[in-house]
Amino acid sequence: MSGRIIEYRIGSARIRIMADRKVYMPSAATLCLARNMRIESGSRVMDLGTGSGFLAILASKLGAGEVVATDISARAIRAAKSNAMLNSADNIDFRLGSLYEPVIGEKFDLIVSNPPMTPSKSPLPRYTWGGADGREVLDEVIRGAVDHLRSGGRLLIPVISLVGIGRTYRLMADAGFNVKVLDYLTHPFGKRLMRMLDYLRSLPYADYVYDSYGRLCWRLLVLEGVRS
């Protein structure tokens, strides 16, 4: 860790995160998701793929009774634990493991996840790579969520246009969720995506837009699925 602390504000909540270039830090997608988190007091929340621990810490500050935060990266779990201490969030249970393996047989009122969705034929850092079409982790998060939500429980997840927004909406509906869109943003391509433009154009579900400055942008929607 570098020791540099970055402060974020979501509504009245203030969250301090220690920078670590090898751990997924809060991104535009994370912050958009965070602004749409609604936590019922005392509820049981799962943050799947916690990274820096940002969303788990926010859930704690918003009144969750218990938060279970998982990640496949041991370094991320260590970083998230340190960040939880930094923010005096003492009701978070951090668990190492892939997807739903650390919570077999458990159910939650809310599952929140910002899975890696960058599509690429070649491997990228694990916290951003979503496989060749960007959907490798996203689809598993959606399909597995129903078995870990109580009746009326919610899945809160972002989806970017590079992996197919409509395809994601249909997958959630087919899995048994009542789905609605909570928020929307556009974000300019970074250098990595610009280098991959020819590949992105070959993907059948990928789309992008141009902003008023003529920059290529991906779109992001925050989707909420309620288990019937």
C-alpha atoms as a PDB file:
ATOM      1  CA  MET A   1       0.000   0.000   0.000  1.00  0.00           C
ATOM      2  CA  SER A   2       1.111   3.538  -0.749  1.00  0.00           C
ATOM      3  CA  GLY A   3      -0.233   5.074   2.451  1.00  0.00           C
ATOM      4  CA  ARG A   4      -2.109   7.802   0.514  1.00  0.00           C
ATOM      5  CA  ILE A   5      -5.690   8.102   1.735  1.00  0.00           C
ATOM      6  CA  ILE A   6      -8.493   9.152  -0.625  1.00  0.00           C
ATOM      7  CA  GLU A   7     -11.739  10.480   0.786  1.00  0.00           C
ATOM      8  CA  TYR A   8     -15.124   9.932  -0.868  1.00  0.00           C
ATOM      9  CA  ARG A   9     -18.506  11.369   0.029  1.00  0.00           C
ATOM     10  CA  ILE A  10     -21.783   9.606  -0.742  1.00  0.00           C
ATOM     11  CA  GLY A  11     -24.601  11.765   0.594  1.00  0.00           C
ATOM     12  CA  SER A  12     -23.725  12.413   4.217  1.00  0.00           C
ATOM     13  CA  ALA A  13     -21.411   9.390   4.435  1.00  0.00           C
ATOM     14  CA  ARG A  14     -17.673  10.009   4.396  1.00  0.00           C
ATOM     15  CA  ILE A  15     -15.448   7.069   3.460  1.00  0.00           C
ATOM     16  CA  ARG A  16     -11.655   7.029   3.548  1.00  0.00           C
ATOM     17  CA  ILE A  17      -9.808   4.487   1.398  1.00  0.00           C
ATOM     18  CA  MET A  18      -6.091   3.789   1.385  1.00  0.00           C
ATOM     19  CA  ALA A  19      -4.784   3.741  -2.183  1.00  0.00           C
ATOM     20  CA  ASP A  20      -3.422   0.435  -3.497  1.00  0.00           C
ATOM     21  CA  ARG A  21      -2.667   0.127  -7.208  1.00  0.00           C
ATOM     22  CA  LYS A  22      -3.054  -3.678  -7.089  1.00  0.00           C
ATOM     23  CA  VAL A  23      -6.538  -3.583  -5.570  1.00  0.00           C
ATOM     24  CA  TYR A  24      -9.684  -2.374  -7.361  1.00  0.00           C
ATOM     25  CA  MET A  25     -10.345   1.157  -6.183  1.00  0.00           C
ATOM     26  CA  PRO A  26     -13.692   2.983  -6.391  1.00  0.00           C
ATOM     27  CA  SER A  27     -14.411   3.829 -10.042  1.00  0.00           C
ATOM     28  CA  ALA A  28     -17.113   5.833 -11.822  1.00  0.00           C
ATOM     29  CA  ALA A  29     -19.214   2.644 -11.880  1.00  0.00           C
ATOM     30  CA  THR A  30     -18.630   2.043  -8.160  1.00  0.00           C
ATOM     31  CA  LEU A  31     -19.634   5.574  -7.218  1.00  0.00           C
ATOM     32  CA  CYS A  32     -22.759   5.478  -9.391  1.00  0.00           C
ATOM     33  CA  LEU A  33     -23.714   2.186  -7.753  1.00  0.00           C
ATOM     34  CA  ALA A  34     -22.995   3.640  -4.312  1.00  0.00           C
ATOM     35  CA  ARG A  35     -25.279   6.636  -4.894  1.00  0.00           C
ATOM     36  CA  ASN A  36     -28.138   4.194  -5.503  1.00  0.00           C
ATOM     37  CA  MET A  37     -27.617   1.961  -2.474  1.00  0.00           C
ATOM     38  CA  ARG A  38     -30.666   1.859  -0.249  1.00  0.00           C
ATOM     39  CA  ILE A  39     -30.104  -0.051   2.985  1.00  0.00           C
ATOM     40  CA  GLU A  40     -32.896  -0.995   5.344  1.00  0.00           C
ATOM     41  CA  SER A  41     -31.812  -0.699   8.956  1.00  0.00           C
ATOM     42  CA  GLY A  42     -30.570  -4.002  10.350  1.00  0.00           C
ATOM     43  CA  SER A  43     -30.544  -5.772   6.985  1.00  0.00           C
ATOM     44  CA  ARG A  44     -28.029  -8.433   5.968  1.00  0.00           C
ATOM     45  CA  VAL A  45     -25.898  -7.335   3.007  1.00  0.00           C
ATOM     46  CA  MET A  46     -23.379  -9.113   0.790  1.00  0.00           C
ATOM     47  CA  ASP A  47     -20.717  -7.194  -1.136  1.00  0.00           C
ATOM     48  CA  LEU A  48     -19.490  -9.686  -3.744  1.00  0.00           C
ATOM     49  CA  GLY A  49     -16.012  -8.804  -5.033  1.00  0.00           C
ATOM     50  CA  THR A  50     -15.367  -6.137  -2.425  1.00  0.00           C
ATOM     51  CA  GLY A  51     -11.988  -4.892  -3.713  1.00  0.00           C
ATOM     52  CA  SER A  52     -11.025  -1.983  -1.478  1.00  0.00           C
ATOM     53  CA  GLY A  53     -14.070  -2.624   0.710  1.00  0.00           C
ATOM     54  CA  PHE A  54     -15.718   0.646  -0.313  1.00  0.00           C
ATOM     55  CA  LEU A  55     -19.267  -0.648  -0.877  1.00  0.00           C
ATOM     56  CA  ALA A  56     -19.168  -2.865   2.217  1.00  0.00           C
ATOM     57  CA  ILE A  57     -18.083   0.101   4.328  1.00  0.00           C
ATOM     58  CA  LEU A  58     -20.831   2.258   2.825  1.00  0.00           C
ATOM     59  CA  ALA A  59     -23.428  -0.437   3.573  1.00  0.00           C
ATOM     60  CA  SER A  60     -22.239  -0.476   7.178  1.00  0.00           C
ATOM     61  CA  LYS A  61     -22.476   3.308   7.439  1.00  0.00           C
ATOM     62  CA  LEU A  62     -25.968   3.279   5.901  1.00  0.00           C
ATOM     63  CA  GLY A  63     -27.313   1.031   8.663  1.00  0.00           C
ATOM     64  CA  ALA A  64     -26.814  -2.593   7.631  1.00  0.00           C
ATOM     65  CA  GLY A  65     -26.990  -4.963  10.574  1.00  0.00           C
ATOM     66  CA  GLU A  66     -24.353  -7.285   9.101  1.00  0.00           C
ATOM     67  CA  VAL A  67     -22.211  -7.106   5.982  1.00  0.00           C
ATOM     68  CA  VAL A  68     -20.412 -10.066   4.413  1.00  0.00           C
ATOM     69  CA  ALA A  69     -17.721  -8.930   1.966  1.00  0.00           C
ATOM     70  CA  THR A  70     -15.972 -11.431  -0.305  1.00  0.00           C
ATOM     71  CA  ASP A  71     -13.145 -11.334  -2.796  1.00  0.00           C
ATOM     72  CA  ILE A  72     -11.006 -13.862  -4.656  1.00  0.00           C
ATOM     73  CA  SER A  73      -7.887 -11.777  -3.935  1.00  0.00           C
ATOM     74  CA  ALA A  74      -6.166 -12.190  -0.570  1.00  0.00           C
ATOM     75  CA  ARG A  75      -4.513  -8.795  -1.056  1.00  0.00           C
ATOM     76  CA  ALA A  76      -7.921  -7.185  -1.586  1.00  0.00           C
ATOM     77  CA  ILE A  77      -9.280  -8.784   1.589  1.00  0.00           C
ATOM     78  CA  ARG A  78      -6.309  -7.467   3.581  1.00  0.00           C
ATOM     79  CA  ALA A  79      -6.752  -3.994   2.105  1.00  0.00           C
ATOM     80  CA  ALA A  80     -10.512  -4.012   2.730  1.00  0.00           C
ATOM     81  CA  LYS A  81     -10.015  -5.037   6.356  1.00  0.00           C
ATOM     82  CA  SER A  82      -7.589  -2.138   6.846  1.00  0.00           C
ATOM     83  CA  ASN A  83     -10.032   0.273   5.220  1.00  0.00           C
ATOM     84  CA  ALA A  84     -12.867  -0.970   7.422  1.00  0.00           C
ATOM     85  CA  MET A  85     -10.744  -0.247  10.491  1.00  0.00           C
ATOM     86  CA  LEU A  86      -9.898   3.175   9.084  1.00  0.00           C
ATOM     87  CA  ASN A  87     -13.624   3.922   8.846  1.00  0.00           C
ATOM     88  CA  SER A  88     -14.620   2.288  12.178  1.00  0.00           C
ATOM     89  CA  ALA A  89     -16.875  -0.167  10.310  1.00  0.00           C
ATOM     90  CA  ASP A  90     -16.854  -3.089  12.732  1.00  0.00           C
ATOM     91  CA  ASN A  91     -19.791  -5.195  11.492  1.00  0.00           C
ATOM     92  CA  ILE A  92     -18.181  -6.461   8.265  1.00  0.00           C
ATOM     93  CA  ASP A  93     -17.228 -10.128   7.901  1.00  0.00           C
ATOM     94  CA  PHE A  94     -14.502 -10.394   5.250  1.00  0.00           C
ATOM     95  CA  ARG A  95     -14.182 -13.763   3.500  1.00  0.00           C
ATOM     96  CA  LEU A  96     -11.738 -15.010   0.878  1.00  0.00           C
ATOM     97  CA  GLY A  97     -13.149 -16.993  -2.039  1.00  0.00           C
ATOM     98  CA  SER A  98     -14.617 -16.977  -5.530  1.00  0.00           C
ATOM     99  CA  LEU A  99     -18.130 -15.675  -6.179  1.00  0.00           C
ATOM    100  CA  TYR A 100     -20.638 -17.366  -3.841  1.00  0.00           C
ATOM    101  CA  GLU A 101     -18.311 -20.067  -2.490  1.00  0.00           C
ATOM    102  CA  PRO A 102     -17.750 -18.220   0.829  1.00  0.00           C
ATOM    103  CA  VAL A 103     -21.523 -17.960   1.509  1.00  0.00           C
ATOM    104  CA  ILE A 104     -22.840 -21.412   0.626  1.00  0.00           C
ATOM    105  CA  GLY A 105     -26.283 -21.897   2.177  1.00  0.00           C
ATOM    106  CA  GLU A 106     -26.589 -18.275   3.318  1.00  0.00           C
ATOM    107  CA  LYS A 107     -29.201 -15.687   2.319  1.00  0.00           C
ATOM    108  CA  PHE A 108     -29.208 -11.903   2.288  1.00  0.00           C
ATOM    109  CA  ASP A 109     -31.564  -8.952   2.002  1.00  0.00           C
ATOM    110  CA  LEU A 110     -29.274  -7.227  -0.496  1.00  0.00           C
ATOM    111  CA  ILE A 111     -26.435  -8.368  -2.736  1.00  0.00           C
ATOM    112  CA  VAL A 112     -24.357  -5.588  -4.246  1.00  0.00           C
ATOM    113  CA  SER A 113     -21.602  -6.268  -6.758  1.00  0.00           C
ATOM    114  CA  ASN A 114     -19.498  -4.388  -9.299  1.00  0.00           C
ATOM    115  CA  PRO A 115     -18.007  -7.337 -11.211  1.00  0.00           C
ATOM    116  CA  PRO A 116     -15.149  -7.016 -13.725  1.00  0.00           C
ATOM    117  CA  MET A 117     -16.604  -6.371 -17.175  1.00  0.00           C
ATOM    118  CA  THR A 118     -13.781  -5.243 -19.461  1.00  0.00           C
ATOM    119  CA  PRO A 119     -13.898  -7.506 -22.543  1.00  0.00           C
ATOM    120  CA  SER A 120     -10.536  -8.644 -23.893  1.00  0.00           C
ATOM    121  CA  LYS A 121      -9.104 -11.664 -25.705  1.00  0.00           C
ATOM    122  CA  SER A 122      -5.925 -11.308 -23.640  1.00  0.00           C
ATOM    123  CA  PRO A 123      -5.875 -11.427 -19.836  1.00  0.00           C
ATOM    124  CA  LEU A 124      -6.034  -8.130 -17.959  1.00  0.00           C
ATOM    125  CA  PRO A 125      -5.735  -7.523 -14.201  1.00  0.00           C
ATOM    126  CA  ARG A 126      -8.227  -9.874 -12.549  1.00  0.00           C
ATOM    127  CA  TYR A 127     -10.225  -7.074 -10.943  1.00  0.00           C
ATOM    128  CA  THR A 128     -11.140  -5.584 -14.343  1.00  0.00           C
ATOM    129  CA  TRP A 129     -11.109  -8.479 -16.835  1.00  0.00           C
ATOM    130  CA  GLY A 130     -14.504  -9.978 -17.652  1.00  0.00           C
ATOM    131  CA  GLY A 131     -13.264 -12.553 -20.152  1.00  0.00           C
ATOM    132  CA  ALA A 132     -13.411 -12.400 -23.944  1.00  0.00           C
ATOM    133  CA  ASP A 133     -16.921 -10.899 -24.061  1.00  0.00           C
ATOM    134  CA  GLY A 134     -16.821  -9.177 -20.660  1.00  0.00           C
ATOM    135  CA  ARG A 135     -19.618 -11.326 -19.232  1.00  0.00           C
ATOM    136  CA  GLU A 136     -17.725 -14.179 -17.587  1.00  0.00           C
ATOM    137  CA  VAL A 137     -18.182 -12.959 -14.003  1.00  0.00           C
ATOM    138  CA  LEU A 138     -21.280 -10.815 -14.513  1.00  0.00           C
ATOM    139  CA  ASP A 139     -23.445 -13.709 -15.660  1.00  0.00           C
ATOM    140  CA  GLU A 140     -22.373 -15.916 -12.750  1.00  0.00           C
ATOM    141  CA  VAL A 141     -23.146 -13.154 -10.253  1.00  0.00           C
ATOM    142  CA  ILE A 142     -26.665 -12.773 -11.671  1.00  0.00           C
ATOM    143  CA  ARG A 143     -27.430 -16.496 -11.952  1.00  0.00           C
ATOM    144  CA  GLY A 144     -26.185 -17.251  -8.441  1.00  0.00           C
ATOM    145  CA  ALA A 145     -27.891 -14.337  -6.707  1.00  0.00           C
ATOM    146  CA  VAL A 146     -31.392 -15.852  -6.610  1.00  0.00           C
ATOM    147  CA  ASP A 147     -30.241 -18.717  -4.382  1.00  0.00           C
ATOM    148  CA  HIS A 148     -28.714 -16.267  -1.892  1.00  0.00           C
ATOM    149  CA  LEU A 149     -31.519 -13.734  -1.578  1.00  0.00           C
ATOM    150  CA  ARG A 150     -34.493 -13.890   0.739  1.00  0.00           C
ATOM    151  CA  SER A 151     -37.945 -13.384  -0.767  1.00  0.00           C
ATOM    152  CA  GLY A 152     -38.127  -9.724  -1.703  1.00  0.00           C
ATOM    153  CA  GLY A 153     -34.333  -9.469  -1.532  1.00  0.00           C
ATOM    154  CA  ARG A 154     -32.509  -7.273  -4.004  1.00  0.00           C
ATOM    155  CA  LEU A 155     -29.554  -7.544  -6.374  1.00  0.00           C
ATOM    156  CA  LEU A 156     -27.922  -4.202  -7.159  1.00  0.00           C
ATOM    157  CA  ILE A 157     -25.487  -4.296 -10.048  1.00  0.00           C
ATOM    158  CA  PRO A 158     -24.083  -2.022 -12.766  1.00  0.00           C
ATOM    159  CA  VAL A 159     -23.827  -3.050 -16.407  1.00  0.00           C
ATOM    160  CA  ILE A 160     -21.827  -1.348 -19.134  1.00  0.00           C
ATOM    161  CA  SER A 161     -22.833  -1.113 -22.770  1.00  0.00           C
ATOM    162  CA  LEU A 162     -19.677  -2.921 -23.891  1.00  0.00           C
ATOM    163  CA  VAL A 163     -21.131  -6.211 -22.611  1.00  0.00           C
ATOM    164  CA  GLY A 164     -24.753  -5.737 -23.665  1.00  0.00           C
ATOM    165  CA  ILE A 165     -27.261  -3.882 -21.507  1.00  0.00           C
ATOM    166  CA  GLY A 166     -30.342  -5.521 -23.005  1.00  0.00           C
ATOM    167  CA  ARG A 167     -28.788  -8.958 -22.690  1.00  0.00           C
ATOM    168  CA  THR A 168     -28.157  -8.335 -18.987  1.00  0.00           C
ATOM    169  CA  TYR A 169     -31.701  -7.081 -18.379  1.00  0.00           C
ATOM    170  CA  ARG A 170     -33.137 -10.211 -20.005  1.00  0.00           C
ATOM    171  CA  LEU A 171     -30.838 -12.512 -18.037  1.00  0.00           C
ATOM    172  CA  MET A 172     -31.985 -10.951 -14.766  1.00  0.00           C
ATOM    173  CA  ALA A 173     -35.639 -11.230 -15.767  1.00  0.00           C
ATOM    174  CA  ASP A 174     -35.192 -14.860 -16.846  1.00  0.00           C
ATOM    175  CA  ALA A 175     -33.501 -15.608 -13.498  1.00  0.00           C
ATOM    176  CA  GLY A 176     -36.669 -14.539 -11.683  1.00  0.00           C
ATOM    177  CA  PHE A 177     -36.011 -10.870 -10.893  1.00  0.00           C
ATOM    178  CA  ASN A 178     -38.331  -7.931 -11.279  1.00  0.00           C
ATOM    179  CA  VAL A 179     -35.885  -5.493 -12.856  1.00  0.00           C
ATOM    180  CA  LYS A 180     -35.768  -1.720 -12.953  1.00  0.00           C
ATOM    181  CA  VAL A 181     -33.191   0.884 -13.951  1.00  0.00           C
ATOM    182  CA  LEU A 182     -32.049   3.156 -11.123  1.00  0.00           C
ATOM    183  CA  ASP A 183     -29.411   5.334 -12.760  1.00  0.00           C
ATOM    184  CA  TYR A 184     -27.449   6.051 -15.930  1.00  0.00           C
ATOM    185  CA  LEU A 185     -24.139   7.637 -16.921  1.00  0.00           C
ATOM    186  CA  THR A 186     -21.723   7.859 -19.823  1.00  0.00           C
ATOM    187  CA  HIS A 187     -17.957   7.677 -19.427  1.00  0.00           C
ATOM    188  CA  PRO A 188     -15.175   8.370 -21.954  1.00  0.00           C
ATOM    189  CA  PHE A 189     -13.001   5.523 -23.198  1.00  0.00           C
ATOM    190  CA  GLY A 190      -9.599   5.306 -21.548  1.00  0.00           C
ATOM    191  CA  LYS A 191      -6.379   4.535 -23.374  1.00  0.00           C
ATOM    192  CA  ARG A 192      -6.796   0.777 -22.928  1.00  0.00           C
ATOM    193  CA  LEU A 193     -10.245   0.724 -24.519  1.00  0.00           C
ATOM    194  CA  MET A 194      -9.129   2.949 -27.373  1.00  0.00           C
ATOM    195  CA  ARG A 195      -6.369   0.437 -28.165  1.00  0.00           C
ATOM    196  CA  MET A 196      -9.025  -2.311 -28.179  1.00  0.00           C
ATOM    197  CA  LEU A 197     -11.518  -0.490 -30.392  1.00  0.00           C
ATOM    198  CA  ASP A 198     -11.299  -2.863 -33.359  1.00  0.00           C
ATOM    199  CA  TYR A 199     -11.908  -5.811 -31.051  1.00  0.00           C
ATOM    200  CA  LEU A 200     -14.829  -4.095 -29.316  1.00  0.00           C
ATOM    201  CA  ARG A 201     -16.426  -3.420 -32.691  1.00  0.00           C
ATOM    202  CA  SER A 202     -16.371  -7.171 -33.376  1.00  0.00           C
ATOM    203  CA  LEU A 203     -18.431  -8.014 -30.273  1.00  0.00           C
ATOM    204  CA  PRO A 204     -22.108  -8.571 -31.123  1.00  0.00           C
ATOM    205  CA  TYR A 205     -23.569  -6.963 -27.990  1.00  0.00           C
ATOM    206  CA  ALA A 206     -21.121  -4.086 -27.492  1.00  0.00           C
ATOM    207  CA  ASP A 207     -22.180  -0.529 -28.185  1.00  0.00           C
ATOM    208  CA  TYR A 208     -20.910   2.947 -27.370  1.00  0.00           C
ATOM    209  CA  VAL A 209     -21.846   6.571 -27.961  1.00  0.00           C
ATOM    210  CA  TYR A 210     -20.125   9.880 -28.681  1.00  0.00           C
ATOM    211  CA  ASP A 211     -20.425  12.724 -26.196  1.00  0.00           C
ATOM    212  CA  SER A 212     -20.732  16.413 -27.022  1.00  0.00           C
ATOM    213  CA  TYR A 213     -16.936  16.652 -27.249  1.00  0.00           C
ATOM    214  CA  GLY A 214     -16.794  13.887 -29.855  1.00  0.00           C
ATOM    215  CA  ARG A 215     -15.257  11.390 -27.421  1.00  0.00           C
ATOM    216  CA  LEU A 216     -16.136   7.697 -27.537  1.00  0.00           C
ATOM    217  CA  CYS A 217     -18.008   6.730 -24.350  1.00  0.00           C
ATOM    218  CA  TRP A 218     -19.443   3.594 -22.827  1.00  0.00           C
ATOM    219  CA  ARG A 219     -22.825   3.772 -21.142  1.00  0.00           C
ATOM    220  CA  LEU A 220     -23.566   2.410 -17.691  1.00  0.00           C
ATOM    221  CA  LEU A 221     -26.895   1.531 -16.110  1.00  0.00           C
ATOM    222  CA  VAL A 222     -27.458   0.611 -12.476  1.00  0.00           C
ATOM    223  CA  LEU A 223     -29.979  -2.237 -12.364  1.00  0.00           C
ATOM    224  CA  GLU A 224     -31.964  -3.410  -9.366  1.00  0.00           C
ATOM    225  CA  GLY A 225     -33.475  -6.863  -9.425  1.00  0.00           C
ATOM    226  CA  VAL A 226     -36.039  -7.809  -6.770  1.00  0.00           C
ATOM    227  CA  ARG A 227     -36.448 -11.515  -6.068  1.00  0.00           C
ATOM    228  CA  SER A 228     -40.094 -12.495  -6.342  1.00  0.00           C
END
